[in-house]
Amino acid sequence: MRFVATIHVRPRREVRDPQGDAVAGALRSIGLAVDGVRVGKEIVVRFDAANEGAARETTTTMGKELLANPVVEDFTVELRADG
């Protein structure tokens, strides 16, 4: 089966986010009231797997071993069948 995974990587809550602070400051400077901003990244991957369970295992491996730094980042995965 073909799957599409969207992997969201964000700084952990306890880790300072300088990019988020800069974006929040810029938004405030144009008159928008924001309490805070966290900046992360989104990675979209298309791949084949035998079933949904295998696909979830694959995306967990992607996140843990390459896409997210476990010391300072968390990740979540959205998974769907492609076609």
C-alpha atoms as a PDB file:
ATOM      1  CA  MET A   1       0.000   0.000   0.000  1.00  0.00           C
ATOM      2  CA  ARG A   2       1.063   3.573  -0.617  1.00  0.00           C
ATOM      3  CA  PHE A   3       0.968   6.048   2.280  1.00  0.00           C
ATOM      4  CA  VAL A   4       1.520   9.744   2.812  1.00  0.00           C
ATOM      5  CA  ALA A   5       2.912  10.815   6.168  1.00  0.00           C
ATOM      6  CA  THR A   6       3.047  14.399   7.365  1.00  0.00           C
ATOM      7  CA  ILE A   7       5.575  14.685  10.177  1.00  0.00           C
ATOM      8  CA  HIS A   8       5.389  17.809  12.329  1.00  0.00           C
ATOM      9  CA  VAL A   9       8.572  18.627  14.256  1.00  0.00           C
ATOM     10  CA  ARG A  10       8.468  21.323  16.941  1.00  0.00           C
ATOM     11  CA  PRO A  11      10.665  22.483  19.796  1.00  0.00           C
ATOM     12  CA  ARG A  12       9.831  20.863  23.132  1.00  0.00           C
ATOM     13  CA  ARG A  13       7.772  23.073  25.442  1.00  0.00           C
ATOM     14  CA  GLU A  14      10.630  23.480  27.901  1.00  0.00           C
ATOM     15  CA  VAL A  15      13.080  24.562  25.176  1.00  0.00           C
ATOM     16  CA  ARG A  16      13.331  28.226  24.230  1.00  0.00           C
ATOM     17  CA  ASP A  17      12.292  28.948  20.629  1.00  0.00           C
ATOM     18  CA  PRO A  18      14.169  32.010  19.309  1.00  0.00           C
ATOM     19  CA  GLN A  19      12.450  31.787  15.903  1.00  0.00           C
ATOM     20  CA  GLY A  20       9.065  31.677  17.580  1.00  0.00           C
ATOM     21  CA  ASP A  21      10.001  34.674  19.745  1.00  0.00           C
ATOM     22  CA  ALA A  22      11.041  36.636  16.638  1.00  0.00           C
ATOM     23  CA  VAL A  23       7.821  35.802  14.795  1.00  0.00           C
ATOM     24  CA  ALA A  24       5.735  36.711  17.854  1.00  0.00           C
ATOM     25  CA  GLY A  25       7.535  40.062  18.095  1.00  0.00           C
ATOM     26  CA  ALA A  26       6.964  40.754  14.402  1.00  0.00           C
ATOM     27  CA  LEU A  27       3.271  39.894  14.672  1.00  0.00           C
ATOM     28  CA  ARG A  28       2.917  42.219  17.665  1.00  0.00           C
ATOM     29  CA  SER A  29       4.719  44.991  15.745  1.00  0.00           C
ATOM     30  CA  ILE A  30       1.964  44.946  13.109  1.00  0.00           C
ATOM     31  CA  GLY A  31      -0.714  45.197  15.774  1.00  0.00           C
ATOM     32  CA  LEU A  32      -1.697  41.555  16.219  1.00  0.00           C
ATOM     33  CA  ALA A  33      -2.225  40.311  19.763  1.00  0.00           C
ATOM     34  CA  VAL A  34      -0.459  36.958  20.133  1.00  0.00           C
ATOM     35  CA  ASP A  35       0.506  35.204  23.350  1.00  0.00           C
ATOM     36  CA  GLY A  36       3.335  33.210  21.806  1.00  0.00           C
ATOM     37  CA  VAL A  37       4.531  31.413  18.717  1.00  0.00           C
ATOM     38  CA  ARG A  38       6.349  28.105  18.253  1.00  0.00           C
ATOM     39  CA  VAL A  39       8.091  27.552  14.915  1.00  0.00           C
ATOM     40  CA  GLY A  40       8.655  24.057  13.604  1.00  0.00           C
ATOM     41  CA  LYS A  41       8.887  22.177  10.369  1.00  0.00           C
ATOM     42  CA  GLU A  42       6.612  19.933   8.351  1.00  0.00           C
ATOM     43  CA  ILE A  43       7.949  17.028   6.303  1.00  0.00           C
ATOM     44  CA  VAL A  44       5.689  15.194   3.848  1.00  0.00           C
ATOM     45  CA  VAL A  45       6.825  11.702   2.819  1.00  0.00           C
ATOM     46  CA  ARG A  46       5.235   9.271   0.339  1.00  0.00           C
ATOM     47  CA  PHE A  47       6.230   5.637   0.732  1.00  0.00           C
ATOM     48  CA  ASP A  48       5.079   2.045   0.468  1.00  0.00           C
ATOM     49  CA  ALA A  49       4.331  -0.220   3.418  1.00  0.00           C
ATOM     50  CA  ALA A  50       2.568  -3.549   3.840  1.00  0.00           C
ATOM     51  CA  ASN A  51      -0.186  -2.088   6.054  1.00  0.00           C
ATOM     52  CA  GLU A  52      -1.016   0.834   8.335  1.00  0.00           C
ATOM     53  CA  GLY A  53       0.817  -0.672  11.301  1.00  0.00           C
ATOM     54  CA  ALA A  54       4.020  -1.042   9.294  1.00  0.00           C
ATOM     55  CA  ALA A  55       3.588   2.487   7.961  1.00  0.00           C
ATOM     56  CA  ARG A  56       3.249   3.887  11.496  1.00  0.00           C
ATOM     57  CA  GLU A  57       6.358   2.005  12.576  1.00  0.00           C
ATOM     58  CA  THR A  58       8.252   3.422   9.597  1.00  0.00           C
ATOM     59  CA  THR A  59       7.209   6.995  10.354  1.00  0.00           C
ATOM     60  CA  THR A  60       8.181   6.591  14.010  1.00  0.00           C
ATOM     61  CA  THR A  61      11.623   5.455  12.888  1.00  0.00           C
ATOM     62  CA  MET A  62      11.857   8.463  10.555  1.00  0.00           C
ATOM     63  CA  GLY A  63      11.039  10.859  13.368  1.00  0.00           C
ATOM     64  CA  LYS A  64      13.173   9.276  16.077  1.00  0.00           C
ATOM     65  CA  GLU A  65      16.273   8.516  14.030  1.00  0.00           C
ATOM     66  CA  LEU A  66      16.505  11.389  11.577  1.00  0.00           C
ATOM     67  CA  LEU A  67      13.858  14.104  11.408  1.00  0.00           C
ATOM     68  CA  ALA A  68      13.661  15.224  15.046  1.00  0.00           C
ATOM     69  CA  ASN A  69      16.400  15.865  17.566  1.00  0.00           C
ATOM     70  CA  PRO A  70      15.023  14.034  20.629  1.00  0.00           C
ATOM     71  CA  VAL A  71      16.902  16.312  23.033  1.00  0.00           C
ATOM     72  CA  VAL A  72      15.116  19.501  21.956  1.00  0.00           C
ATOM     73  CA  GLU A  73      12.269  18.491  19.615  1.00  0.00           C
ATOM     74  CA  ASP A  74       9.043  16.500  19.639  1.00  0.00           C
ATOM     75  CA  PHE A  75       7.251  15.154  16.593  1.00  0.00           C
ATOM     76  CA  THR A  76       3.778  14.033  15.626  1.00  0.00           C
ATOM     77  CA  VAL A  77       2.655  12.099  12.576  1.00  0.00           C
ATOM     78  CA  GLU A  78      -0.438  12.314  10.395  1.00  0.00           C
ATOM     79  CA  LEU A  79      -0.747   9.231   8.205  1.00  0.00           C
ATOM     80  CA  ARG A  80      -3.139   8.485   5.374  1.00  0.00           C
ATOM     81  CA  ALA A  81      -3.428   5.981   2.568  1.00  0.00           C
ATOM     82  CA  ASP A  82      -2.509   7.508  -0.804  1.00  0.00           C
ATOM     83  CA  GLY A  83      -5.081   6.533  -3.386  1.00  0.00           C
END
